[in-house]
Amino acid sequence: MNRQSVRRVCASVLAAAGVGTAMVAGGGAVANAQPAPPTSTTMTCSSANPLFWAPSFTWTVTASSGESLPPGGAGLEPAILLSGNNELPAPPAGLLPSIGPNWYGTRVLVDWHNSTTGASGSSVSDEAAWQQKPGIPINRTWTGTGTVSFTVTVQTGAGWWFVNPQNAVCQGTISVVPGR
């Protein structure tokens, strides 16, 4: 075997080793890649009751990717939309609401960080008062698209959210995607 043949064989072996290494390294990078978080999540968080005679309760809060019209906005923008419920008993059905001592007010705070864009912020929901079964007030959090981590604080008070407020705190991460 002459020198030129030996060089070709060595070059071929090195090229094959390089391709094999690249395939293994590339496959490892794909295997270690983190999948995008889902576009919605449901969380539960507990709260003391603002009415001293009533038991504590648990909120179930769903955060979903969606779109909403910001104040003064010209069009829909990507946002986190919240909905939820709790395990407090519903008031009895009837034409007139029952009169009793169990009235609640609620407000929701959302602190968020978009790890895709680096943006952060907070939002405050509408306020609801004098409800016999409190719910999640209308809340829109404009975050832009990307992976968004957030903390939801549901403030529940006696009659109004600010009377002996009790906080239920939930955390989650979702992908906020553009509308279709």
N, C-alpha and C. Protein backbone atom coordinates (compact mmCIF):
# COMPACT_ATOMS: atom_id res chain seq x y z
N MET A 1 0.85 -1.17 0.00
CA MET A 1 0.00 0.00 0.00
C MET A 1 0.90 1.23 0.00
N ASN A 2 0.64 2.15 -0.90
CA ASN A 2 1.48 3.34 -0.96
C ASN A 2 0.94 4.43 -0.02
N ARG A 3 1.69 5.52 0.12
CA ARG A 3 1.33 6.58 1.05
C ARG A 3 -0.01 7.22 0.72
N GLN A 4 -0.28 7.39 -0.54
CA GLN A 4 -1.53 8.03 -0.95
C GLN A 4 -2.72 7.16 -0.55
N SER A 5 -2.61 5.85 -0.69
CA SER A 5 -3.69 4.95 -0.28
C SER A 5 -3.89 4.98 1.23
N VAL A 6 -2.80 5.05 1.98
CA VAL A 6 -2.88 5.10 3.44
C VAL A 6 -3.57 6.40 3.85
N ARG A 7 -3.25 7.52 3.20
CA ARG A 7 -3.89 8.80 3.52
C ARG A 7 -5.38 8.75 3.24
N ARG A 8 -5.77 8.14 2.13
CA ARG A 8 -7.19 8.04 1.79
C ARG A 8 -7.94 7.19 2.82
N VAL A 9 -7.34 6.09 3.23
CA VAL A 9 -7.98 5.22 4.22
C VAL A 9 -8.12 5.97 5.55
N CYS A 10 -7.07 6.65 5.97
CA CYS A 10 -7.12 7.42 7.22
C CYS A 10 -8.15 8.55 7.13
N ALA A 11 -8.21 9.23 6.02
CA ALA A 11 -9.18 10.31 5.84
C ALA A 11 -10.60 9.75 5.88
N SER A 12 -10.80 8.58 5.26
CA SER A 12 -12.13 7.96 5.27
C SER A 12 -12.53 7.55 6.68
N VAL A 13 -11.60 6.99 7.44
CA VAL A 13 -11.89 6.58 8.81
C VAL A 13 -12.22 7.80 9.68
N LEU A 14 -11.45 8.86 9.54
CA LEU A 14 -11.70 10.07 10.32
C LEU A 14 -13.04 10.71 9.93
N ALA A 15 -13.35 10.72 8.65
CA ALA A 15 -14.63 11.29 8.20
C ALA A 15 -15.79 10.48 8.76
N ALA A 16 -15.68 9.15 8.71
CA ALA A 16 -16.75 8.29 9.24
C ALA A 16 -16.90 8.50 10.75
N ALA A 17 -15.78 8.63 11.46
CA ALA A 17 -15.84 8.87 12.90
C ALA A 17 -16.49 10.22 13.19
N GLY A 18 -16.16 11.22 12.39
CA GLY A 18 -16.75 12.55 12.59
C GLY A 18 -18.25 12.54 12.34
N VAL A 19 -18.70 11.86 11.28
CA VAL A 19 -20.13 11.77 10.97
C VAL A 19 -20.84 11.02 12.09
N GLY A 20 -20.25 9.93 12.57
CA GLY A 20 -20.86 9.16 13.66
C GLY A 20 -20.98 9.99 14.92
N THR A 21 -19.94 10.74 15.25
CA THR A 21 -19.97 11.60 16.43
C THR A 21 -21.04 12.68 16.29
N ALA A 22 -21.12 13.27 15.11
CA ALA A 22 -22.13 14.31 14.87
C ALA A 22 -23.54 13.74 15.00
N MET A 23 -23.75 12.53 14.50
CA MET A 23 -25.07 11.91 14.60
C MET A 23 -25.43 11.63 16.06
N VAL A 24 -24.48 11.12 16.83
CA VAL A 24 -24.74 10.84 18.24
C VAL A 24 -24.99 12.14 19.00
N ALA A 25 -24.14 13.13 18.78
CA ALA A 25 -24.30 14.41 19.47
C ALA A 25 -25.60 15.08 19.05
N GLY A 26 -25.93 15.06 17.78
CA GLY A 26 -27.18 15.66 17.30
C GLY A 26 -28.37 14.94 17.87
N GLY A 27 -28.31 13.62 17.92
CA GLY A 27 -29.41 12.84 18.49
C GLY A 27 -29.57 13.14 19.97
N GLY A 28 -28.46 13.33 20.67
CA GLY A 28 -28.52 13.66 22.09
C GLY A 28 -29.17 15.01 22.31
N ALA A 29 -28.86 15.96 21.44
CA ALA A 29 -29.44 17.30 21.60
C ALA A 29 -30.94 17.24 21.41
N VAL A 30 -31.40 16.46 20.44
CA VAL A 30 -32.84 16.34 20.21
C VAL A 30 -33.49 15.62 21.38
N ALA A 31 -32.84 14.59 21.90
CA ALA A 31 -33.41 13.83 23.01
C ALA A 31 -33.49 14.67 24.27
N ASN A 32 -32.58 15.62 24.46
CA ASN A 32 -32.58 16.44 25.67
C ASN A 32 -33.42 17.71 25.53
N ALA A 33 -33.93 18.01 24.35
CA ALA A 33 -34.72 19.22 24.15
C ALA A 33 -36.01 19.12 24.97
N GLN A 34 -36.37 20.23 25.62
CA GLN A 34 -37.57 20.27 26.43
C GLN A 34 -38.78 20.56 25.54
N PRO A 35 -39.84 19.78 25.67
CA PRO A 35 -41.04 20.08 24.89
C PRO A 35 -41.68 21.37 25.39
N ALA A 36 -42.39 22.04 24.50
CA ALA A 36 -43.09 23.27 24.89
C ALA A 36 -44.18 22.92 25.90
N PRO A 37 -44.42 23.80 26.87
CA PRO A 37 -45.50 23.54 27.82
C PRO A 37 -46.85 23.56 27.11
N PRO A 38 -47.88 22.99 27.73
CA PRO A 38 -49.21 22.98 27.11
C PRO A 38 -49.78 24.40 27.02
N THR A 39 -50.84 24.56 26.25
CA THR A 39 -51.47 25.88 26.10
C THR A 39 -52.52 26.15 27.17
N SER A 40 -52.74 25.21 28.09
CA SER A 40 -53.61 25.46 29.24
C SER A 40 -53.19 24.55 30.39
N THR A 41 -53.53 24.97 31.59
CA THR A 41 -53.24 24.17 32.77
C THR A 41 -54.32 24.45 33.81
N THR A 42 -54.60 23.43 34.62
CA THR A 42 -55.55 23.58 35.72
C THR A 42 -54.80 23.38 37.02
N MET A 43 -54.98 24.31 37.94
CA MET A 43 -54.25 24.30 39.22
C MET A 43 -55.26 24.34 40.37
N THR A 44 -54.86 23.83 41.52
CA THR A 44 -55.68 23.96 42.72
C THR A 44 -54.85 24.64 43.81
N CYS A 45 -55.51 25.48 44.58
CA CYS A 45 -54.85 26.16 45.69
C CYS A 45 -55.90 26.43 46.77
N SER A 46 -55.46 26.32 48.00
CA SER A 46 -56.37 26.45 49.14
C SER A 46 -56.35 27.84 49.74
N SER A 47 -57.42 28.15 50.43
CA SER A 47 -57.56 29.46 51.06
C SER A 47 -58.32 29.30 52.37
N ALA A 48 -57.93 30.08 53.36
CA ALA A 48 -58.75 30.20 54.55
C ALA A 48 -60.02 30.96 54.16
N ASN A 49 -61.08 30.78 54.90
CA ASN A 49 -62.32 31.47 54.60
C ASN A 49 -62.31 32.83 55.29
N PRO A 50 -62.69 33.91 54.59
CA PRO A 50 -62.72 35.22 55.23
C PRO A 50 -63.83 35.34 56.27
N LEU A 51 -64.81 34.44 56.22
CA LEU A 51 -65.88 34.41 57.22
C LEU A 51 -65.41 33.48 58.34
N PHE A 52 -65.21 34.01 59.52
CA PHE A 52 -64.59 33.24 60.59
C PHE A 52 -65.37 31.98 60.97
N TRP A 53 -66.66 31.92 60.68
CA TRP A 53 -67.48 30.76 61.04
C TRP A 53 -67.51 29.69 59.94
N ALA A 54 -66.95 30.00 58.79
CA ALA A 54 -67.03 29.07 57.65
C ALA A 54 -65.70 28.33 57.46
N PRO A 55 -65.75 27.13 56.88
CA PRO A 55 -64.52 26.34 56.70
C PRO A 55 -63.64 26.88 55.56
N SER A 56 -62.36 26.50 55.59
CA SER A 56 -61.47 26.84 54.48
C SER A 56 -61.94 26.11 53.23
N PHE A 57 -61.43 26.50 52.07
CA PHE A 57 -61.88 25.89 50.82
C PHE A 57 -60.78 25.90 49.79
N THR A 58 -60.99 25.20 48.68
CA THR A 58 -60.00 25.07 47.62
C THR A 58 -60.54 25.67 46.32
N TRP A 59 -59.70 26.45 45.66
CA TRP A 59 -60.01 26.99 44.34
C TRP A 59 -59.45 26.05 43.27
N THR A 60 -60.15 25.91 42.17
CA THR A 60 -59.64 25.25 40.97
C THR A 60 -59.58 26.33 39.90
N VAL A 61 -58.37 26.64 39.44
CA VAL A 61 -58.16 27.74 38.49
C VAL A 61 -57.58 27.17 37.20
N THR A 62 -58.19 27.53 36.06
CA THR A 62 -57.68 27.12 34.75
C THR A 62 -57.14 28.36 34.04
N ALA A 63 -55.90 28.25 33.59
CA ALA A 63 -55.25 29.31 32.80
C ALA A 63 -55.07 28.78 31.39
N SER A 64 -55.53 29.54 30.40
CA SER A 64 -55.46 29.11 29.01
C SER A 64 -54.89 30.21 28.13
N SER A 65 -54.23 29.77 27.06
CA SER A 65 -53.77 30.71 26.04
C SER A 65 -54.99 31.18 25.25
N GLY A 66 -55.05 32.45 24.97
CA GLY A 66 -56.16 32.98 24.20
C GLY A 66 -55.81 34.35 23.66
N GLU A 67 -56.82 35.08 23.27
CA GLU A 67 -56.66 36.44 22.77
C GLU A 67 -57.73 37.32 23.38
N SER A 68 -57.38 38.58 23.58
CA SER A 68 -58.34 39.52 24.13
C SER A 68 -58.00 40.92 23.61
N LEU A 69 -58.98 41.78 23.63
CA LEU A 69 -58.81 43.16 23.18
C LEU A 69 -58.35 44.02 24.36
N PRO A 70 -57.12 44.54 24.30
CA PRO A 70 -56.65 45.39 25.40
C PRO A 70 -57.35 46.75 25.36
N PRO A 71 -57.36 47.45 26.49
CA PRO A 71 -57.97 48.78 26.51
C PRO A 71 -57.31 49.68 25.47
N GLY A 72 -58.10 50.28 24.62
CA GLY A 72 -57.58 51.17 23.59
C GLY A 72 -56.88 50.45 22.45
N GLY A 73 -56.93 49.11 22.45
CA GLY A 73 -56.26 48.33 21.42
C GLY A 73 -57.04 48.31 20.12
N ALA A 74 -56.32 48.12 19.04
CA ALA A 74 -56.96 48.08 17.73
C ALA A 74 -57.37 46.66 17.33
N GLY A 75 -56.79 45.66 17.99
CA GLY A 75 -57.11 44.29 17.64
C GLY A 75 -56.78 43.35 18.79
N LEU A 76 -57.13 42.10 18.59
CA LEU A 76 -56.89 41.09 19.62
C LEU A 76 -55.40 40.83 19.79
N GLU A 77 -54.98 40.62 21.04
CA GLU A 77 -53.59 40.33 21.35
C GLU A 77 -53.51 39.07 22.20
N PRO A 78 -52.39 38.31 22.09
CA PRO A 78 -52.24 37.08 22.88
C PRO A 78 -52.30 37.38 24.38
N ALA A 79 -53.00 36.50 25.13
CA ALA A 79 -53.20 36.75 26.55
C ALA A 79 -53.40 35.43 27.29
N ILE A 80 -53.23 35.49 28.60
CA ILE A 80 -53.63 34.40 29.48
C ILE A 80 -55.05 34.72 29.94
N LEU A 81 -55.96 33.76 29.78
CA LEU A 81 -57.34 33.92 30.20
C LEU A 81 -57.60 32.95 31.36
N LEU A 82 -58.21 33.43 32.43
CA LEU A 82 -58.46 32.62 33.62
C LEU A 82 -59.94 32.29 33.77
N SER A 83 -60.20 31.12 34.31
CA SER A 83 -61.54 30.74 34.73
C SER A 83 -61.38 29.86 35.95
N GLY A 84 -62.45 29.63 36.68
CA GLY A 84 -62.30 28.79 37.85
C GLY A 84 -63.54 28.70 38.69
N ASN A 85 -63.41 27.90 39.73
CA ASN A 85 -64.51 27.63 40.63
C ASN A 85 -63.93 27.23 41.98
N ASN A 86 -64.78 26.96 42.94
CA ASN A 86 -64.34 26.49 44.24
C ASN A 86 -65.34 25.49 44.78
N GLU A 87 -65.01 24.92 45.91
CA GLU A 87 -65.84 23.86 46.48
C GLU A 87 -66.88 24.37 47.48
N LEU A 88 -67.05 25.69 47.60
CA LEU A 88 -68.08 26.21 48.49
C LEU A 88 -69.45 25.81 47.97
N PRO A 89 -70.40 25.55 48.85
CA PRO A 89 -71.73 25.13 48.37
C PRO A 89 -72.44 26.26 47.62
N ALA A 90 -73.17 25.88 46.60
CA ALA A 90 -73.95 26.86 45.84
C ALA A 90 -75.18 27.26 46.66
N PRO A 91 -75.62 28.51 46.54
CA PRO A 91 -76.82 28.92 47.27
C PRO A 91 -78.04 28.19 46.71
N PRO A 92 -79.09 28.08 47.50
CA PRO A 92 -80.29 27.39 47.02
C PRO A 92 -80.92 28.13 45.84
N ALA A 93 -81.53 27.38 44.95
CA ALA A 93 -82.20 27.98 43.78
C ALA A 93 -83.48 28.66 44.22
N GLY A 94 -83.88 29.67 43.48
CA GLY A 94 -85.13 30.36 43.80
C GLY A 94 -85.19 31.67 43.05
N LEU A 95 -86.36 32.31 43.13
CA LEU A 95 -86.53 33.59 42.47
C LEU A 95 -85.74 34.69 43.16
N LEU A 96 -85.69 34.65 44.47
CA LEU A 96 -84.96 35.65 45.23
C LEU A 96 -83.72 34.99 45.81
N PRO A 97 -82.60 35.70 45.81
CA PRO A 97 -81.41 35.12 46.43
C PRO A 97 -81.66 34.93 47.92
N SER A 98 -81.12 33.86 48.46
CA SER A 98 -81.33 33.61 49.89
C SER A 98 -80.63 34.71 50.69
N ILE A 99 -81.24 35.03 51.78
CA ILE A 99 -80.67 36.05 52.65
C ILE A 99 -79.93 35.30 53.75
N GLY A 100 -78.68 35.62 53.90
CA GLY A 100 -77.89 34.92 54.90
C GLY A 100 -76.55 35.62 55.09
N PRO A 101 -75.74 35.07 55.97
CA PRO A 101 -74.49 35.73 56.32
C PRO A 101 -73.31 35.37 55.42
N ASN A 102 -73.52 34.56 54.41
CA ASN A 102 -72.40 34.08 53.58
C ASN A 102 -72.31 34.84 52.27
N TRP A 103 -71.61 35.97 52.29
CA TRP A 103 -71.40 36.77 51.10
C TRP A 103 -69.90 36.96 50.91
N TYR A 104 -69.47 36.93 49.65
CA TYR A 104 -68.05 37.01 49.35
C TYR A 104 -67.77 38.06 48.27
N GLY A 105 -66.55 38.54 48.26
CA GLY A 105 -66.03 39.38 47.19
C GLY A 105 -64.70 38.81 46.74
N THR A 106 -64.37 38.94 45.46
CA THR A 106 -63.11 38.38 44.96
C THR A 106 -62.41 39.34 44.01
N ARG A 107 -61.10 39.15 43.95
CA ARG A 107 -60.24 39.85 43.02
C ARG A 107 -59.07 38.91 42.73
N VAL A 108 -58.52 38.99 41.51
CA VAL A 108 -57.41 38.11 41.12
C VAL A 108 -56.22 38.95 40.67
N LEU A 109 -55.04 38.60 41.17
CA LEU A 109 -53.79 39.23 40.77
C LEU A 109 -52.97 38.20 40.00
N VAL A 110 -52.33 38.60 38.91
CA VAL A 110 -51.46 37.70 38.14
C VAL A 110 -50.11 38.39 37.95
N ASP A 111 -49.06 37.73 38.42
CA ASP A 111 -47.68 38.16 38.15
C ASP A 111 -47.10 37.17 37.16
N TRP A 112 -46.46 37.67 36.08
CA TRP A 112 -46.02 36.77 35.02
C TRP A 112 -44.64 37.14 34.50
N HIS A 113 -43.99 36.13 33.88
CA HIS A 113 -42.71 36.33 33.20
C HIS A 113 -42.70 35.50 31.92
N ASN A 114 -42.48 36.15 30.79
CA ASN A 114 -42.39 35.48 29.50
C ASN A 114 -40.92 35.17 29.25
N SER A 115 -40.53 33.88 29.36
CA SER A 115 -39.12 33.52 29.21
C SER A 115 -38.67 33.58 27.76
N THR A 116 -39.58 33.60 26.81
CA THR A 116 -39.23 33.71 25.40
C THR A 116 -38.80 35.13 25.05
N THR A 117 -39.55 36.12 25.55
CA THR A 117 -39.26 37.52 25.23
C THR A 117 -38.51 38.25 26.33
N GLY A 118 -38.52 37.70 27.55
CA GLY A 118 -37.88 38.36 28.68
C GLY A 118 -38.78 39.39 29.36
N ALA A 119 -40.00 39.58 28.86
CA ALA A 119 -40.92 40.56 29.44
C ALA A 119 -41.56 40.01 30.71
N SER A 120 -41.91 40.92 31.63
CA SER A 120 -42.60 40.57 32.87
C SER A 120 -43.67 41.61 33.14
N GLY A 121 -44.59 41.27 34.00
CA GLY A 121 -45.62 42.23 34.36
C GLY A 121 -46.61 41.65 35.34
N SER A 122 -47.66 42.40 35.57
CA SER A 122 -48.72 41.96 36.47
C SER A 122 -50.05 42.53 35.98
N SER A 123 -51.12 41.89 36.42
CA SER A 123 -52.46 42.38 36.07
C SER A 123 -53.38 42.18 37.27
N VAL A 124 -54.44 42.97 37.29
CA VAL A 124 -55.45 42.89 38.33
C VAL A 124 -56.80 42.72 37.65
N SER A 125 -57.60 41.78 38.15
CA SER A 125 -58.89 41.49 37.53
C SER A 125 -59.93 42.55 37.87
N ASP A 126 -61.10 42.38 37.27
CA ASP A 126 -62.27 43.11 37.73
C ASP A 126 -62.53 42.65 39.16
N GLU A 127 -63.35 43.39 39.90
CA GLU A 127 -63.68 43.01 41.26
C GLU A 127 -65.14 42.59 41.33
N ALA A 128 -65.39 41.51 42.06
CA ALA A 128 -66.76 41.05 42.25
C ALA A 128 -67.09 41.17 43.73
N ALA A 129 -68.33 41.56 44.05
CA ALA A 129 -68.73 41.74 45.44
C ALA A 129 -70.11 41.14 45.67
N TRP A 130 -70.38 40.83 46.91
CA TRP A 130 -71.68 40.34 47.36
C TRP A 130 -72.16 39.13 46.57
N GLN A 131 -71.28 38.15 46.46
CA GLN A 131 -71.64 36.89 45.80
C GLN A 131 -71.77 35.80 46.86
N GLN A 132 -72.80 34.96 46.74
CA GLN A 132 -72.95 33.86 47.68
C GLN A 132 -72.03 32.69 47.32
N LYS A 133 -71.67 32.58 46.07
CA LYS A 133 -70.69 31.57 45.62
C LYS A 133 -69.67 32.32 44.77
N PRO A 134 -68.50 32.64 45.35
CA PRO A 134 -67.54 33.43 44.60
C PRO A 134 -66.97 32.66 43.41
N GLY A 135 -66.61 33.40 42.38
CA GLY A 135 -65.97 32.82 41.19
C GLY A 135 -64.78 33.68 40.80
N ILE A 136 -64.15 33.31 39.70
CA ILE A 136 -63.01 34.07 39.19
C ILE A 136 -63.56 35.24 38.37
N PRO A 137 -63.30 36.49 38.79
CA PRO A 137 -63.75 37.64 37.99
C PRO A 137 -63.03 37.68 36.64
N ILE A 138 -63.54 38.47 35.72
CA ILE A 138 -62.93 38.60 34.39
C ILE A 138 -61.50 39.09 34.56
N ASN A 139 -60.57 38.34 33.98
CA ASN A 139 -59.16 38.68 34.08
C ASN A 139 -58.51 38.40 32.74
N ARG A 140 -57.80 39.38 32.21
CA ARG A 140 -57.03 39.22 30.98
C ARG A 140 -55.62 39.69 31.27
N THR A 141 -54.66 38.85 30.94
CA THR A 141 -53.25 39.19 31.18
C THR A 141 -52.53 39.13 29.86
N TRP A 142 -52.17 40.30 29.29
CA TRP A 142 -51.51 40.37 27.99
C TRP A 142 -50.02 40.14 28.18
N THR A 143 -49.53 38.99 27.70
CA THR A 143 -48.15 38.58 27.92
C THR A 143 -47.32 38.51 26.65
N GLY A 144 -47.94 38.57 25.49
CA GLY A 144 -47.24 38.28 24.25
C GLY A 144 -47.11 36.77 24.10
N THR A 145 -46.64 36.32 22.95
CA THR A 145 -46.50 34.88 22.73
C THR A 145 -45.21 34.36 23.34
N GLY A 146 -45.21 33.08 23.70
CA GLY A 146 -44.03 32.44 24.25
C GLY A 146 -44.37 31.60 25.47
N THR A 147 -43.34 31.13 26.14
CA THR A 147 -43.50 30.34 27.36
C THR A 147 -43.62 31.30 28.54
N VAL A 148 -44.76 31.25 29.23
CA VAL A 148 -45.05 32.20 30.29
C VAL A 148 -45.25 31.46 31.61
N SER A 149 -44.45 31.84 32.61
CA SER A 149 -44.62 31.35 33.98
C SER A 149 -45.40 32.42 34.74
N PHE A 150 -46.31 32.00 35.62
CA PHE A 150 -47.15 32.98 36.30
C PHE A 150 -47.53 32.50 37.69
N THR A 151 -47.91 33.47 38.51
CA THR A 151 -48.47 33.22 39.84
C THR A 151 -49.82 33.90 39.89
N VAL A 152 -50.85 33.13 40.23
CA VAL A 152 -52.22 33.65 40.35
C VAL A 152 -52.54 33.73 41.84
N THR A 153 -52.96 34.90 42.30
CA THR A 153 -53.38 35.08 43.69
C THR A 153 -54.86 35.45 43.68
N VAL A 154 -55.70 34.55 44.21
CA VAL A 154 -57.14 34.81 44.30
C VAL A 154 -57.39 35.37 45.69
N GLN A 155 -57.84 36.62 45.76
CA GLN A 155 -58.14 37.26 47.03
C GLN A 155 -59.64 37.18 47.27
N THR A 156 -60.01 36.52 48.36
CA THR A 156 -61.42 36.37 48.70
C THR A 156 -61.67 37.07 50.03
N GLY A 157 -62.67 37.94 50.05
CA GLY A 157 -63.00 38.69 51.26
C GLY A 157 -64.45 38.50 51.66
N ALA A 158 -64.80 39.02 52.80
CA ALA A 158 -66.16 38.94 53.34
C ALA A 158 -66.99 40.08 52.76
N GLY A 159 -67.80 39.78 51.79
CA GLY A 159 -68.63 40.81 51.14
C GLY A 159 -67.90 41.51 50.02
N TRP A 160 -66.76 42.10 50.32
CA TRP A 160 -65.87 42.73 49.34
C TRP A 160 -64.50 42.07 49.47
N TRP A 161 -63.70 42.09 48.43
CA TRP A 161 -62.41 41.41 48.46
C TRP A 161 -61.47 41.95 49.53
N PHE A 162 -61.65 43.21 49.93
CA PHE A 162 -60.71 43.84 50.86
C PHE A 162 -61.11 43.71 52.34
N VAL A 163 -62.23 43.03 52.64
CA VAL A 163 -62.65 42.83 54.03
C VAL A 163 -62.15 41.46 54.48
N ASN A 164 -61.16 41.44 55.37
CA ASN A 164 -60.51 40.21 55.84
C ASN A 164 -60.09 39.32 54.67
N PRO A 165 -59.32 39.86 53.73
CA PRO A 165 -58.98 39.07 52.53
C PRO A 165 -58.11 37.85 52.87
N GLN A 166 -58.43 36.75 52.22
CA GLN A 166 -57.66 35.51 52.34
C GLN A 166 -57.15 35.18 50.94
N ASN A 167 -55.87 34.81 50.84
CA ASN A 167 -55.25 34.57 49.54
C ASN A 167 -55.08 33.09 49.25
N ALA A 168 -55.42 32.69 48.06
CA ALA A 168 -55.11 31.37 47.53
C ALA A 168 -54.11 31.60 46.39
N VAL A 169 -52.94 30.95 46.45
CA VAL A 169 -51.87 31.21 45.49
C VAL A 169 -51.59 29.95 44.68
N CYS A 170 -51.70 30.06 43.35
CA CYS A 170 -51.41 28.97 42.42
C CYS A 170 -50.29 29.43 41.47
N GLN A 171 -49.48 28.48 41.01
CA GLN A 171 -48.43 28.79 40.04
C GLN A 171 -48.51 27.83 38.88
N GLY A 172 -48.13 28.31 37.69
CA GLY A 172 -48.12 27.47 36.51
C GLY A 172 -47.29 28.04 35.39
N THR A 173 -47.18 27.27 34.32
CA THR A 173 -46.47 27.68 33.11
C THR A 173 -47.26 27.16 31.92
N ILE A 174 -47.49 28.04 30.94
CA ILE A 174 -48.14 27.63 29.70
C ILE A 174 -47.46 28.28 28.51
N SER A 175 -47.77 27.77 27.33
CA SER A 175 -47.35 28.41 26.07
C SER A 175 -48.49 29.31 25.63
N VAL A 176 -48.21 30.58 25.47
CA VAL A 176 -49.20 31.51 24.93
C VAL A 176 -48.91 31.59 23.43
N VAL A 177 -49.89 31.19 22.64
CA VAL A 177 -49.71 31.09 21.19
C VAL A 177 -50.57 32.11 20.48
N PRO A 178 -50.17 32.51 19.25
CA PRO A 178 -51.01 33.46 18.50
C PRO A 178 -52.32 32.80 18.12
N GLY A 179 -53.36 33.61 17.97
CA GLY A 179 -54.67 33.10 17.57
C GLY A 179 -54.64 32.53 16.17
N ARG A 180 -55.59 31.74 15.91
CA ARG A 180 -55.67 31.09 14.60
C ARG A 180 -56.65 31.77 13.71
